[in-house]
Protein backbone atom coordinates (compact mmCIF):
# COMPACT_ATOMS: atom_id res chain seq x y z
CA MET A 1 0.00 0.00 0.00
CA LYS A 2 1.37 3.39 -0.95
CA ILE A 3 1.54 6.16 1.61
CA TYR A 4 0.34 9.58 0.47
CA LYS A 5 1.63 12.53 2.36
CA PHE A 6 -0.24 15.01 0.20
CA ILE A 7 -3.99 14.82 0.71
CA THR A 8 -6.46 17.13 -0.96
CA ALA A 9 -7.07 20.10 1.30
CA THR A 10 -10.28 20.16 3.23
CA VAL A 11 -12.55 23.03 2.25
CA THR A 12 -13.71 24.84 5.35
CA VAL A 13 -17.46 25.35 5.34
CA ILE A 14 -19.22 27.77 7.60
CA THR A 15 -22.57 26.36 8.67
CA LEU A 16 -25.17 28.75 9.88
CA SER A 17 -28.72 28.57 11.08
CA VAL A 18 -31.17 31.41 10.74
CA SER A 19 -33.77 31.89 13.44
CA PHE A 20 -36.61 34.34 13.03
CA GLN A 21 -37.24 36.54 16.05
CA SER A 22 -39.76 39.34 15.67
CA CYS A 23 -38.81 41.31 12.55
CA SER A 24 -35.04 40.77 12.75
CA VAL A 25 -33.09 38.06 11.03
CA GLU A 26 -29.71 37.35 12.56
CA PRO A 27 -27.37 34.44 11.70
CA GLU A 28 -26.42 32.12 14.51
CA TYR A 29 -23.02 30.47 13.86
CA TYR A 30 -22.96 26.90 15.10
CA SER A 31 -19.47 26.16 13.82
CA GLN A 32 -16.79 27.97 11.92
CA SER A 33 -13.15 27.49 11.10
CA VAL A 34 -10.67 30.26 10.54
CA PRO A 35 -6.95 29.79 9.83
CA GLU A 36 -5.98 30.42 13.46
CA LEU A 37 -8.19 27.52 14.55
CA PHE A 38 -7.88 25.19 11.55
CA PHE A 39 -4.25 24.12 12.03
CA ASP A 40 -4.68 22.04 15.18
CA THR A 41 -3.06 18.80 13.93
CA GLN A 42 -0.10 17.85 11.77
CA GLN A 43 -2.51 16.22 9.33
CA LYS A 44 -4.22 19.53 8.62
CA VAL A 45 -0.90 21.16 7.83
CA TYR A 46 -0.25 18.47 5.25
CA GLN A 47 -3.78 18.89 3.92
CA ARG A 48 -3.16 22.57 3.32
CA GLU A 49 0.21 21.89 1.73
CA GLY A 50 -1.32 19.14 -0.37
CA ARG A 51 -3.81 21.35 -2.20
CA ALA A 52 -1.00 22.87 -4.26
CA PHE A 53 0.32 19.41 -5.07
CA THR A 54 -3.03 18.11 -6.27
CA HIS A 55 -3.03 20.95 -8.80
CA TRP A 56 0.50 19.95 -9.85
CA ALA A 57 -0.65 16.36 -10.30
CA TRP A 58 -3.51 17.51 -12.51
CA CYS A 59 -1.12 19.61 -14.63
CA MET A 60 1.41 16.82 -15.09
CA ALA A 61 -0.59 13.60 -15.26
CA ASP A 62 -4.24 14.18 -16.07
CA ALA A 63 -4.72 11.53 -18.78
CA GLN A 64 -0.93 11.77 -19.25
CA ALA A 65 -0.42 12.83 -22.87
CA HIS A 66 -3.57 14.94 -22.70
CA SER A 67 -2.47 16.83 -19.59
CA ASN A 68 -2.11 20.59 -19.90
CA PHE A 69 1.66 20.48 -20.03
CA ILE A 70 2.33 17.28 -21.97
CA ARG A 71 -0.06 18.07 -24.81
CA LEU A 72 1.74 21.24 -25.97
CA GLN A 73 5.16 19.71 -25.39
CA GLU A 74 4.43 16.61 -27.47
CA PHE A 75 1.63 17.25 -29.96
CA THR A 76 3.35 20.24 -31.55
CA THR A 77 6.55 18.31 -32.32
CA ASP A 78 8.03 15.50 -34.40
CA GLU A 79 7.22 12.93 -31.69
CA MET A 80 3.45 12.65 -31.34
CA LEU A 81 0.24 14.02 -32.79
CA VAL A 82 -3.53 13.64 -32.85
CA PRO A 83 -4.41 12.90 -36.49
CA SER A 84 -7.90 13.25 -37.88
CA ARG A 85 -9.37 9.79 -38.44
CA TYR A 86 -12.11 10.67 -40.93
CA ASN A 87 -14.50 12.57 -38.61
CA ASP A 88 -12.90 11.30 -35.41
CA TRP A 89 -10.59 13.74 -33.61
CA TYR A 90 -10.95 16.53 -36.14
CA ASP A 91 -12.54 18.79 -33.49
CA GLY A 92 -12.71 21.80 -35.77
CA GLY A 93 -9.05 21.39 -36.69
CA ALA A 94 -7.82 22.15 -33.17
CA TYR A 95 -5.21 19.39 -33.05
CA LEU A 96 -4.07 20.00 -36.61
CA ARG A 97 -3.52 23.70 -35.90
CA GLY A 98 -1.31 22.83 -32.94
CA TYR A 99 0.73 20.36 -34.98
CA ASN A 100 1.10 22.96 -37.76
CA HIS A 101 2.17 25.69 -35.29
CA ASP A 102 -0.85 27.78 -36.19
CA PHE A 103 -0.82 29.44 -32.79
CA THR A 104 -3.02 32.38 -31.84
CA PRO A 105 -4.16 33.87 -28.51
CA THR A 106 -7.28 31.70 -28.82
CA THR A 107 -5.58 28.41 -29.74
CA PRO A 108 -7.19 25.57 -27.71
CA GLY A 109 -4.87 24.34 -24.99
CA VAL A 110 -2.73 27.47 -24.71
CA TYR A 111 -4.98 29.05 -22.11
CA ASP A 112 -5.08 25.72 -20.28
CA ALA A 113 -1.28 25.85 -20.04
CA TRP A 114 -1.30 29.45 -18.81
CA ARG A 115 -3.99 28.61 -16.27
CA ALA A 116 -2.06 25.53 -15.17
CA PHE A 117 1.11 27.42 -14.31
CA SER A 118 -0.49 30.61 -12.93
CA MET A 119 -2.99 28.74 -10.78
CA GLY A 120 -0.15 26.55 -9.56
CA VAL A 121 1.83 29.60 -8.48
CA ALA A 122 -1.23 30.96 -6.65
CA GLN A 123 -1.91 27.63 -4.94
CA ALA A 124 1.71 27.24 -3.80
CA TRP A 125 2.07 30.78 -2.43
CA SER A 126 -1.37 30.67 -0.79
CA ALA A 127 -0.50 27.49 1.08
CA LYS A 128 2.90 28.87 2.04
CA ASP A 129 1.33 32.10 3.33
CA ASP A 130 -1.16 30.24 5.52
CA ILE A 131 1.31 27.75 6.93
CA ASP A 132 4.02 30.34 7.52
CA GLN A 133 1.61 32.66 9.33
CA TYR A 134 -0.62 30.31 11.30
CA VAL A 135 1.26 27.08 12.06
CA ASP A 136 3.30 26.61 15.24
CA PHE A 137 5.38 23.58 14.26
CA ASN A 138 6.81 23.13 17.75
CA LYS A 139 3.37 23.21 19.38
CA LEU A 140 2.09 20.54 17.00
CA GLY A 141 5.05 18.28 17.75
CA PHE A 142 6.70 18.29 14.33
CA PRO A 143 10.27 16.96 14.13
CA GLU A 144 13.05 19.51 13.91
CA GLY A 145 13.46 20.87 10.39
CA SER A 146 9.86 20.22 9.37
CA ARG A 147 9.00 23.87 9.00
CA ASP A 148 11.73 24.47 6.44
CA ALA A 149 10.87 21.23 4.66
CA VAL A 150 7.22 22.18 4.22
CA LEU A 151 7.76 25.83 3.31
CA MET A 152 10.64 25.13 0.92
CA GLN A 153 8.70 22.40 -0.86
CA LEU A 154 5.99 24.94 -1.58
CA GLN A 155 8.59 27.49 -2.66
CA THR A 156 10.18 24.91 -5.00
CA LEU A 157 6.77 23.98 -6.35
CA SER A 158 6.18 27.64 -7.14
CA ALA A 159 9.58 27.71 -8.88
CA PHE A 160 8.54 24.68 -10.92
CA PHE A 161 5.37 26.42 -12.08
CA TYR A 162 7.33 29.57 -12.89
CA TRP A 163 9.79 27.48 -14.92
CA PHE A 164 6.78 26.00 -16.74
CA GLY A 165 5.61 29.56 -17.55
CA LEU A 166 9.06 30.75 -18.63
CA ASP A 167 9.56 27.75 -20.88
CA MET A 168 6.24 28.20 -22.67
CA PHE A 169 5.61 31.95 -22.58
CA GLY A 170 8.79 33.78 -21.59
CA GLY A 171 8.74 36.37 -18.81
CA VAL A 172 5.66 36.26 -16.58
CA PRO A 173 4.22 38.27 -13.66
CA LEU A 174 6.20 37.54 -10.50
CA TYR A 175 4.76 37.17 -7.00
CA THR A 176 6.01 35.86 -3.67
CA SER A 177 2.62 35.93 -1.99
CA THR A 178 -1.07 36.00 -2.83
CA GLN A 179 -1.20 39.46 -1.24
CA GLY A 180 -0.38 42.67 -3.05
CA GLU A 181 -1.08 44.36 -6.36
CA ILE A 182 -1.46 42.77 -9.79
CA GLN A 183 1.86 42.79 -11.61
CA PRO A 184 2.83 43.18 -15.28
CA ARG A 185 5.06 40.64 -16.98
CA ALA A 186 8.66 40.59 -15.81
CA THR A 187 11.42 40.30 -18.39
CA ASP A 188 12.82 36.92 -19.35
CA VAL A 189 16.00 37.62 -17.38
CA GLU A 190 14.08 38.77 -14.31
CA THR A 191 11.91 35.64 -14.42
CA PHE A 192 14.95 33.39 -14.88
CA ASN A 193 16.82 35.01 -11.98
CA PHE A 194 13.72 34.88 -9.78
CA ILE A 195 13.37 31.10 -10.30
CA ASP A 196 17.08 30.61 -9.73
CA LYS A 197 16.95 32.54 -6.44
CA LEU A 198 13.95 30.55 -5.18
CA LEU A 199 15.77 27.28 -5.86
CA THR A 200 19.13 28.38 -4.49
CA GLU A 201 17.44 29.29 -1.20
CA ALA A 202 15.34 26.14 -1.06
CA ILE A 203 17.80 23.36 -1.94
CA PRO A 204 19.84 23.24 1.31
CA LYS A 205 16.68 23.42 3.43
CA LEU A 206 14.90 20.51 1.73
CA PRO A 207 15.11 16.91 2.96
CA LYS A 208 17.56 14.55 1.28
CA LYS A 209 16.82 10.98 0.26
CA THR A 210 19.32 8.75 2.04
CA THR A 211 18.02 5.23 1.33
CA LEU A 212 18.23 3.83 -2.17
CA GLY A 213 14.79 2.74 -3.34
CA ALA A 214 12.95 4.44 -0.48
CA GLN A 215 9.36 5.19 -1.44
CA GLU A 216 8.60 8.32 -3.43
CA THR A 217 5.41 10.04 -2.27
CA GLY A 218 5.21 13.08 -4.53
CA SER A 219 7.07 15.29 -2.07
CA ILE A 220 9.99 17.46 -3.18
CA ASN A 221 13.47 16.68 -1.96
CA GLN A 222 16.88 18.22 -2.62
CA ALA A 223 17.50 16.23 -5.79
CA ALA A 224 14.19 17.31 -7.35
CA ALA A 225 14.97 20.98 -6.75
CA ALA A 226 18.51 20.48 -8.04
CA MET A 227 17.16 18.81 -11.20
CA LEU A 228 14.88 21.78 -11.77
CA GLN A 229 17.80 24.18 -11.39
CA ALA A 230 19.84 22.07 -13.80
CA ARG A 231 16.97 22.23 -16.34
CA LEU A 232 16.87 26.00 -15.91
CA TYR A 233 20.61 26.35 -16.63
CA PHE A 234 20.48 23.73 -19.40
CA ASN A 235 18.04 25.84 -21.40
CA ALA A 236 19.45 29.25 -20.43
CA GLN A 237 20.63 29.89 -23.99
CA SER A 238 17.08 29.70 -25.33
CA TYR A 239 15.55 31.42 -22.28
CA ILE A 240 17.91 34.39 -21.80
CA LYS A 241 20.59 33.95 -24.50
CA LYS A 242 23.20 32.98 -21.91
CA ASP A 243 25.42 29.88 -22.07
CA MET A 244 25.17 28.09 -18.71
CA TYR A 245 26.04 24.55 -19.80
CA SER A 246 29.03 24.38 -17.44
CA GLU A 247 26.80 25.32 -14.48
CA CYS A 248 24.28 22.70 -15.55
CA ALA A 249 27.02 20.07 -15.92
CA ALA A 250 28.26 20.71 -12.38
CA ILE A 251 24.80 20.16 -10.88
CA CYS A 252 24.20 17.03 -12.97
CA GLN A 253 27.50 15.55 -11.88
CA ASP A 254 26.63 16.27 -8.25
CA ILE A 255 23.24 14.58 -8.68
CA ILE A 256 24.87 11.50 -10.21
CA ASP A 257 27.49 11.47 -7.45
CA GLY A 258 24.82 11.53 -4.73
CA LYS A 259 25.36 15.01 -3.33
CA TYR A 260 21.61 15.64 -3.29
CA GLY A 261 20.45 12.16 -2.36
CA THR A 262 20.81 8.48 -3.16
CA TYR A 263 19.68 7.40 -6.64
CA LYS A 264 20.96 5.21 -9.46
CA LEU A 265 19.91 4.06 -12.91
CA ASP A 266 17.45 1.18 -12.83
CA ALA A 267 18.70 -1.91 -14.66
CA ASP A 268 15.16 -2.85 -15.75
CA TRP A 269 13.14 -0.18 -17.57
CA THR A 270 9.84 -1.77 -16.49
CA ASN A 271 10.70 -0.90 -12.88
CA ILE A 272 10.61 2.79 -13.84
CA PHE A 273 7.07 2.61 -15.22
CA GLY A 274 5.69 -0.46 -13.47
CA PHE A 275 3.22 -1.13 -10.70
CA ASN A 276 5.72 -0.57 -7.88
CA ASN A 277 7.71 2.23 -9.47
CA ASP A 278 7.33 4.42 -6.39
CA ARG A 279 10.37 2.45 -5.18
CA SER A 280 12.42 2.64 -8.36
CA SER A 281 16.00 3.66 -7.64
CA GLU A 282 15.88 6.01 -10.64
CA ILE A 283 12.87 8.19 -9.91
CA ILE A 284 13.59 11.51 -8.21
CA TRP A 285 10.11 13.04 -8.36
CA SER A 286 6.84 11.52 -9.55
CA VAL A 287 3.09 12.06 -9.44
CA PRO A 288 1.56 9.48 -7.06
CA SER A 289 -1.10 7.15 -8.39
CA GLN A 290 -2.96 4.30 -6.74
CA TYR A 291 -5.82 1.99 -7.60
CA ALA A 292 -9.20 3.25 -6.35
CA VAL A 293 -7.54 6.25 -4.64
CA SER A 294 -6.10 8.54 -7.29
CA GLU A 295 -5.57 6.74 -10.58
CA ARG A 296 -3.54 8.73 -13.10
CA SER A 297 -3.42 8.12 -16.86
CA VAL A 298 -5.46 4.92 -16.79
CA GLY A 299 -6.73 4.30 -20.30
CA PRO A 300 -5.07 7.15 -22.20
CA ASN A 301 -6.84 8.42 -25.28
CA SER A 302 -4.45 6.60 -27.62
CA ASN A 303 -6.04 3.21 -26.92
CA HIS A 304 -8.20 1.64 -29.60
CA TYR A 305 -11.84 0.98 -28.84
CA GLY A 306 -11.32 -2.80 -28.83
CA MET A 307 -8.41 -2.97 -26.38
CA GLY A 308 -10.54 -4.35 -23.54
CA GLU A 309 -10.44 -7.83 -25.03
CA TYR A 310 -6.70 -7.61 -25.83
CA TRP A 311 -5.99 -6.66 -22.21
CA ASP A 312 -8.49 -9.20 -20.85
CA ASN A 313 -9.74 -6.23 -18.84
CA GLY A 314 -12.73 -4.22 -20.01
CA THR A 315 -12.83 -1.77 -17.10
CA ILE A 316 -10.19 0.62 -18.47
CA GLY A 317 -11.80 3.80 -19.75
CA SER A 318 -10.90 6.44 -22.34
CA ARG A 319 -10.43 4.01 -25.23
CA ASN A 320 -10.93 6.82 -27.69
CA ASN A 321 -8.36 5.90 -30.37
CA GLY A 322 -6.71 9.33 -30.45
CA TYR A 323 -3.06 10.25 -30.35
CA CYS A 324 -0.18 8.25 -31.79
CA LEU A 325 3.46 8.57 -32.82
CA VAL A 326 4.48 10.62 -35.83
CA PRO A 327 4.77 7.97 -38.58
CA SER A 328 7.97 6.49 -39.97
CA LEU A 329 6.57 5.18 -43.27
CA ASP A 330 4.71 6.65 -46.20
CA LYS A 331 1.59 5.15 -47.74
CA ASN A 332 3.73 2.73 -49.77
CA GLY A 333 5.75 1.54 -46.77
CA LYS A 334 8.85 3.57 -47.62
CA SER A 335 10.81 5.31 -44.86
CA TYR A 336 10.60 9.03 -44.16
CA LEU A 337 13.94 8.79 -42.38
CA THR A 338 16.96 10.41 -44.01
CA GLY A 339 19.67 7.84 -44.61
CA SER A 340 17.37 4.83 -44.39
CA ALA A 341 18.04 1.99 -46.81
CA ASN A 342 14.29 1.96 -47.42
CA ALA A 343 13.94 5.72 -47.91
CA ARG A 344 11.05 7.01 -49.97
CA GLU A 345 11.60 9.00 -53.13
CA GLY A 346 11.50 12.73 -52.52
CA GLN A 347 11.43 14.34 -49.10
CA THR A 348 12.94 12.57 -46.11
CA TYR A 349 13.64 14.02 -42.67
CA ARG A 350 16.30 14.03 -39.96
CA LEU A 351 13.66 14.62 -37.29
CA GLY A 352 10.65 12.46 -36.50
CA SER A 353 10.13 8.73 -37.27
CA PRO A 354 10.29 7.88 -33.55
CA PHE A 355 9.28 4.23 -33.82
CA ALA A 356 11.89 3.57 -36.51
CA LYS A 357 14.59 5.11 -34.34
CA PHE A 358 14.16 2.42 -31.69
CA ASN A 359 16.57 -0.40 -32.60
CA ASP A 360 14.76 -3.63 -33.48
CA GLN A 361 16.70 -5.41 -30.70
CA ASP A 362 15.58 -2.89 -28.08
CA VAL A 363 13.47 -4.80 -25.53
CA ARG A 364 10.97 -1.92 -25.46
CA LYS A 365 10.17 -2.37 -29.16
CA GLN A 366 7.65 -5.16 -28.79
CA LEU A 367 3.92 -5.41 -28.26
CA ALA A 368 2.96 -4.20 -24.81
CA ALA A 369 1.31 -6.96 -22.79
CA TYR A 370 0.75 -7.93 -19.17
CA GLU A 371 2.47 -11.19 -18.20
CA GLY A 372 0.99 -11.79 -14.74
CA ASN A 373 2.46 -11.39 -11.26
CA GLY A 374 2.98 -7.68 -11.79
CA LYS A 375 5.23 -8.14 -14.82
CA PHE A 376 4.73 -6.67 -18.29
CA ARG A 377 6.58 -6.30 -21.57
CA GLY A 378 6.84 -3.83 -24.45
CA MET A 379 6.21 -0.12 -24.82
CA PHE A 380 4.09 0.06 -27.98
CA TYR A 381 0.97 -1.17 -29.73
CA PHE A 382 1.69 -1.92 -33.39
CA GLY A 383 1.21 -4.55 -36.07
CA LYS A 384 -1.33 -7.33 -35.79
CA MET A 385 -2.99 -6.83 -32.44
CA VAL A 386 -2.87 -10.32 -30.98
CA ASN A 387 -1.75 -10.42 -27.35
CA PRO A 388 1.57 -12.32 -27.31
CA VAL A 389 0.95 -13.65 -23.78
CA ASN A 390 -2.65 -14.92 -23.84
CA GLY A 391 -3.66 -14.78 -27.51
CA LYS A 392 -6.49 -12.29 -26.93
CA VAL A 393 -7.32 -10.06 -29.90
CA CYS A 394 -8.10 -6.38 -30.39
CA HIS A 395 -10.90 -6.28 -32.95
CA GLY A 396 -11.88 -3.46 -35.25
CA GLY A 397 -14.18 -0.60 -34.38
CA ASN A 398 -16.56 -0.75 -37.33
CA ARG A 399 -14.76 2.06 -39.10
CA GLN A 400 -12.12 0.75 -41.53
CA PHE A 401 -11.96 -2.57 -39.64
CA LYS A 402 -15.07 -4.61 -38.89
CA PRO A 403 -15.74 -5.77 -35.31
CA THR A 404 -14.92 -9.30 -36.52
CA ASP A 405 -11.51 -8.26 -37.93
CA THR A 406 -8.24 -8.33 -36.01
CA LEU A 407 -6.86 -4.79 -35.91
CA LEU A 408 -3.59 -4.13 -37.73
CA ILE A 409 -1.88 -0.96 -36.46
CA VAL A 410 0.48 0.57 -39.02
CA ASP A 411 3.33 3.07 -38.72
CA GLN A 412 1.64 5.20 -41.37
CA ILE A 413 -0.96 7.97 -41.46
CA ALA A 414 -2.70 7.86 -44.82
CA ARG A 415 -5.91 6.82 -46.54
CA ILE A 416 -4.90 3.27 -47.45
CA ILE A 417 -8.07 1.22 -46.93
CA PRO A 418 -10.72 1.88 -49.60
CA MET A 419 -13.90 3.36 -48.13
CA PRO A 420 -17.17 3.76 -50.05
CA GLY A 421 -17.92 7.42 -50.56
CA SER A 422 -14.31 8.51 -49.92
CA GLU A 423 -12.71 7.45 -53.18
CA ALA A 424 -11.46 10.98 -53.90
CA ASP A 425 -9.33 10.95 -50.75
CA HIS A 426 -7.88 7.47 -51.24
CA GLY A 427 -4.08 7.56 -51.26
CA LYS A 428 -3.75 10.89 -49.47
CA GLU A 429 -1.30 11.02 -46.57
CA GLY A 430 -0.87 13.52 -43.79
CA ALA A 431 -2.25 14.46 -40.40
CA ARG A 432 -5.69 15.13 -41.91
CA TRP A 433 -5.93 11.70 -43.52
CA GLY A 434 -5.68 9.16 -40.72
CA GLU A 435 -7.65 5.95 -40.41
CA GLU A 436 -8.79 3.80 -37.53
CA ASN A 437 -5.49 1.88 -37.44
CA SER A 438 -3.10 4.74 -38.28
CA GLY A 439 -0.07 5.32 -36.10
CA VAL A 440 1.90 3.32 -33.56
CA ARG A 441 0.55 3.83 -30.02
CA LEU A 442 2.73 4.55 -27.01
CA ALA A 443 2.05 2.27 -24.02
CA LYS A 444 4.74 3.63 -21.72
CA PHE A 445 2.63 4.67 -18.76
CA SER A 446 0.30 2.67 -16.52
CA PRO A 447 0.53 -0.84 -18.00
CA THR A 448 -2.83 -2.58 -17.93
CA PRO A 449 -3.20 -5.76 -15.82
CA TRP A 450 -5.71 -8.54 -16.42
CA ALA A 451 -9.04 -8.12 -14.66
CA SER A 452 -7.97 -10.87 -12.27
CA ASN A 453 -5.15 -8.56 -11.09
CA GLN A 454 -7.37 -5.49 -11.07
CA THR A 455 -5.96 -3.99 -7.87
CA LEU A 456 -2.72 -3.23 -9.75
CA ARG A 457 -4.59 -0.95 -12.14
CA GLY A 458 -3.52 2.67 -11.88
CA ASN A 459 -0.71 1.90 -9.43
CA PRO A 460 2.23 3.16 -11.54
CA ASP A 461 3.26 6.67 -10.57
CA ILE A 462 4.05 9.14 -13.37
CA PRO A 463 7.76 10.10 -13.37
CA VAL A 464 8.56 13.81 -13.56
CA PHE A 465 12.32 13.72 -12.84
CA ARG A 466 14.54 10.67 -13.33
CA ILE A 467 18.27 10.45 -12.75
CA ALA A 468 18.59 9.39 -16.40
CA GLU A 469 17.85 13.03 -17.25
CA ALA A 470 20.93 14.11 -15.32
CA TYR A 471 23.00 11.65 -17.41
CA TYR A 472 21.60 13.03 -20.66
CA MET A 473 21.92 16.69 -19.69
CA LEU A 474 25.52 16.08 -18.65
CA ALA A 475 26.13 14.20 -21.91
CA GLU A 476 24.83 17.10 -23.99
CA CYS A 477 26.90 19.56 -21.98
CA LYS A 478 29.98 17.43 -22.71
CA LEU A 479 29.05 17.25 -26.40
CA ARG A 480 28.82 21.03 -26.55
CA ALA A 481 32.23 21.20 -24.85
CA ASN A 482 33.59 18.79 -27.53
CA ASP A 483 34.05 15.89 -25.09
CA LYS A 484 32.22 13.45 -27.35
CA ALA A 485 33.76 10.36 -25.77
CA GLY A 486 32.60 11.41 -22.31
CA ALA A 487 29.15 12.21 -23.64
CA ALA A 488 28.88 8.86 -25.43
CA LYS A 489 29.77 6.93 -22.28
CA LEU A 490 27.01 8.62 -20.27
CA ILE A 491 24.36 7.86 -22.90
CA ASN A 492 25.54 4.26 -23.27
CA ASP A 493 25.34 3.82 -19.50
CA VAL A 494 21.58 4.33 -19.92
CA ARG A 495 21.14 2.55 -23.26
CA LYS A 496 22.68 -0.76 -22.18
CA ARG A 497 19.64 -1.79 -20.12
CA TYR A 498 17.53 -2.05 -23.27
CA PHE A 499 19.50 -4.90 -24.88
CA THR A 500 19.84 -8.51 -23.79
CA SER A 501 23.31 -8.65 -25.36
CA ALA A 502 25.66 -5.96 -26.62
CA ASP A 503 24.12 -2.71 -27.86
CA PRO A 504 24.09 -3.05 -31.68
CA ASP A 505 24.25 0.72 -32.22
CA PRO A 506 26.07 2.37 -29.32
CA VAL A 507 26.78 6.06 -29.26
CA THR A 508 30.39 6.81 -30.14
CA ALA A 509 32.56 9.89 -30.47
CA ALA A 510 32.35 9.35 -34.24
CA ASN A 511 28.56 9.20 -34.57
CA LEU A 512 27.53 11.68 -31.89
CA ASP A 513 26.34 15.01 -33.20
CA GLU A 514 23.34 17.27 -32.61
CA TRP A 515 21.04 14.93 -34.58
CA ARG A 516 22.06 11.80 -32.70
CA MET A 517 21.74 13.71 -29.42
CA LEU A 518 18.19 14.74 -30.30
CA ASP A 519 17.40 11.15 -31.31
CA GLU A 520 18.68 9.87 -27.97
CA TRP A 521 16.53 12.40 -26.09
CA MET A 522 13.54 11.20 -28.10
CA ILE A 523 14.18 7.51 -27.59
CA GLU A 524 14.72 7.74 -23.83
CA PHE A 525 12.07 10.32 -22.91
CA ILE A 526 9.37 9.89 -25.52
CA GLY A 527 5.98 10.91 -24.15
CA GLU A 528 7.45 12.47 -20.99
CA GLY A 529 6.75 16.06 -22.04
CA ARG A 530 10.09 17.54 -22.99
CA ARG A 531 10.38 17.27 -26.79
CA ARG A 532 9.42 20.84 -27.66
CA THR A 533 11.94 22.22 -25.15
CA ASP A 534 14.71 20.06 -26.63
CA LEU A 535 13.93 21.17 -30.19
CA VAL A 536 13.89 24.83 -29.14
CA ARG A 537 17.23 24.46 -27.37
CA TRP A 538 18.79 23.09 -30.58
CA ASN A 539 17.02 25.74 -32.71
CA LYS A 540 15.06 23.06 -34.60
CA TYR A 541 11.47 23.73 -33.52
CA THR A 542 10.77 26.44 -36.10
CA THR A 543 13.67 25.96 -38.53
CA GLN A 544 13.30 22.27 -39.43
CA SER A 545 10.73 20.20 -41.29
CA TRP A 546 9.41 16.84 -40.20
CA TRP A 547 6.61 14.62 -41.47
CA ASP A 548 3.69 16.74 -42.71
CA HIS A 549 5.14 19.79 -40.98
CA PRO A 550 7.08 22.25 -43.16
CA ALA A 551 9.62 24.40 -41.37
CA ASP A 552 8.09 27.61 -40.03
CA GLY A 553 11.13 29.58 -41.19
CA GLU A 554 13.49 32.02 -39.54
CA SER A 555 10.83 34.74 -39.59
CA LYS A 556 8.67 32.57 -37.32
CA ALA A 557 11.24 32.14 -34.57
CA PHE A 558 8.81 33.92 -32.23
CA GLN A 559 6.79 30.67 -32.27
CA ASN A 560 9.40 29.13 -29.99
CA ARG A 561 7.06 30.64 -27.42
CA PHE A 562 3.32 30.40 -27.29
CA PRO A 563 1.09 33.47 -27.48
CA ILE A 564 -0.31 34.91 -24.29
CA PRO A 565 -3.94 33.72 -24.26
CA GLU A 566 -6.59 36.41 -24.58
CA GLN A 567 -8.24 35.31 -21.32
CA ALA A 568 -5.03 36.05 -19.40
CA MET A 569 -4.73 39.51 -20.94
CA ALA A 570 -8.39 40.24 -20.24
CA SER A 571 -7.99 39.38 -16.55
CA ASN A 572 -4.76 41.38 -16.16
CA GLN A 573 -4.58 44.37 -18.51
CA LEU A 574 -0.94 44.98 -17.54
CA ILE A 575 0.10 41.86 -19.48
CA GLU A 576 1.44 42.48 -22.97
CA GLN A 577 1.41 40.00 -25.85
CA ASN A 578 4.54 38.20 -27.02
CA PRO A 579 6.06 39.81 -30.14
CA GLY A 580 4.89 38.32 -33.43
CA TYR A 581 1.37 37.39 -32.37
C-alpha cells in the first residue's frame, strides 16, 4: 500500500442557522473554522500543503499525454500528434492547428497551459502564506526541520510552475505571496533570476533521500529541486541567451554522485514505469497514483476501442483511439527517415520517425502486454494486435476494420483502406488523412493488468524527474564542450539496459552530433513532455521540417514561445502580448 503525504485540502465550510425573532433576522453560527483555529493537527498542515500538489498532479498527469503540459510539449513536435481519423478527432481542426504551429491567442490548450502554471503559483504561495503565518510547528510536535521542509517544498513547487511559464511563454508576472497588487510581466531575465533565487534558497533546506529505493510520495526533496535548477541552466541559452552549460554540468555531476540524495539508474526499464515504481531507484520526483484512490493516466486516449479484449480487462476507460506517434513510413511503406536503406523518393527528414529510431533489438520495441504477477513487456501497440501472452485479440471498431476483424496498427498515417464514398481521398497522406489503425501507439505509462489482477490498475506513478535526465543533460553539456567520448559513455550507461546482449548501435565519439543527441533524447524520454523544449534548445522547432510539418522559417522564430492567451490579458490588462502574435 502506498503512503500519500499530500492529501487534498479540506474546504472549510461555515454552517449557519437562521432563526426568526420578531422582525429581525440574525445568523447564529454553530461552527466555523478560521486559519488560526484550523491548524490544530499535523494532518491539517499536510492537507493545506497538499492542495498545491493536487493541482501539480492535474497539470502533469491528467490523462498523461492529454495533460495541460504534456499536450503542448508533445503534440506540436516530431514525436506525437492527434491525427484526424475521418471525422474522429478533427474537433474543428484544433489538433491539426497545434501540430502545424498555427498558434493564436485563442488556440485551444494554450490558455489551459497558462492557467495551469499561474494557478499553480497561486496555490503554492497561498498554502505557504497560511502555513508560515498560522502554524506553530513546535506546538504541533513536528520533528526539527519540518517547518523548512514544508515551506521550501511549496517554494520549490512555485519555482517549478514559474519554470513552466518561462519555458512556454517567456517572462511572466512575479509574485512571492497572494497578497499585493497585480503585476505586469517581468522580463525573461528577471523571471529566470527569480526562479534561480527561489531554488538556491530552497535546496539546502529541503530533505535529502538517504536510502536507495525508499518510497517516493510526490514530495519534493533536494534532488528534485537540483534537477529543476539544472533544467533552468540547461536551457538558459534559449531562455535568456546565456550559455550556462558548465553550471548545468556541475549540478548534474553532483546529482549522479549523490550530493543531493541516493539514486541510481534502474537496470530494468519496467521498474521505472511499473506497478511498484514508487520504489524505483531512478525516480527523483513523480506524481503518485494508486488503484481506487487517485488513478492517473489509466486508459489514455491513444487506446483503440477494442483494447478491452486484448488486455483481458474491459474496465479501463478512455479508449478513444486518439493520439499516436508521428509515422515512420509513407503510404507505400517507404521510410521518411533520411539515410534509411528503405527511404522514400523525394522528401525525407532528420527529425521524427520515432518508432523507426528504436533499434529492433531494443526490448521496449515489442507489443505491450501484461504477463501476470505484476510483470509486463513492451512499450508500444503496433502490427497485428494479438496479445503475445494470452492470444487475446483487439478487434476493429466498425470504421475501416469490422468488429470481426483483427486490428492491424500501421506506422503510417494515410488513406490506405478503400472506403465507399471517400474514393477521392484514397491515397492521401498527412495528419488530416488518418484511419482507424493509423499510427503506432505509445504504451509507456500505466501498463494494464488482467481483470484478475485489477488492484494493480492505476498503481504506476508518473515520473517527472529521473536520474537518467541528469545523465543526458551532462552528456549534452559534454558534447557542446567537444568531449564526445565522455558524452557517449554517459548515454551508453543508460542505453545498455535495453539490450539482452551488446548494444548493436552504441553512441560513439564518431557518430555523436546534434542529430544523434536529439534522437537519444527522443528515444529515452518519448511521451514524458520535454520534446518541444529540446527542439527549441537546438534551434530546430521552427527551422526544421518533419513529417507533414514544413519548417516555419526564420521569420517565425517567435513561435518558440506560445502566445499569451486572450483570457489572461483580459484578466490582467498589464500583461502584454509576445512579439509576433
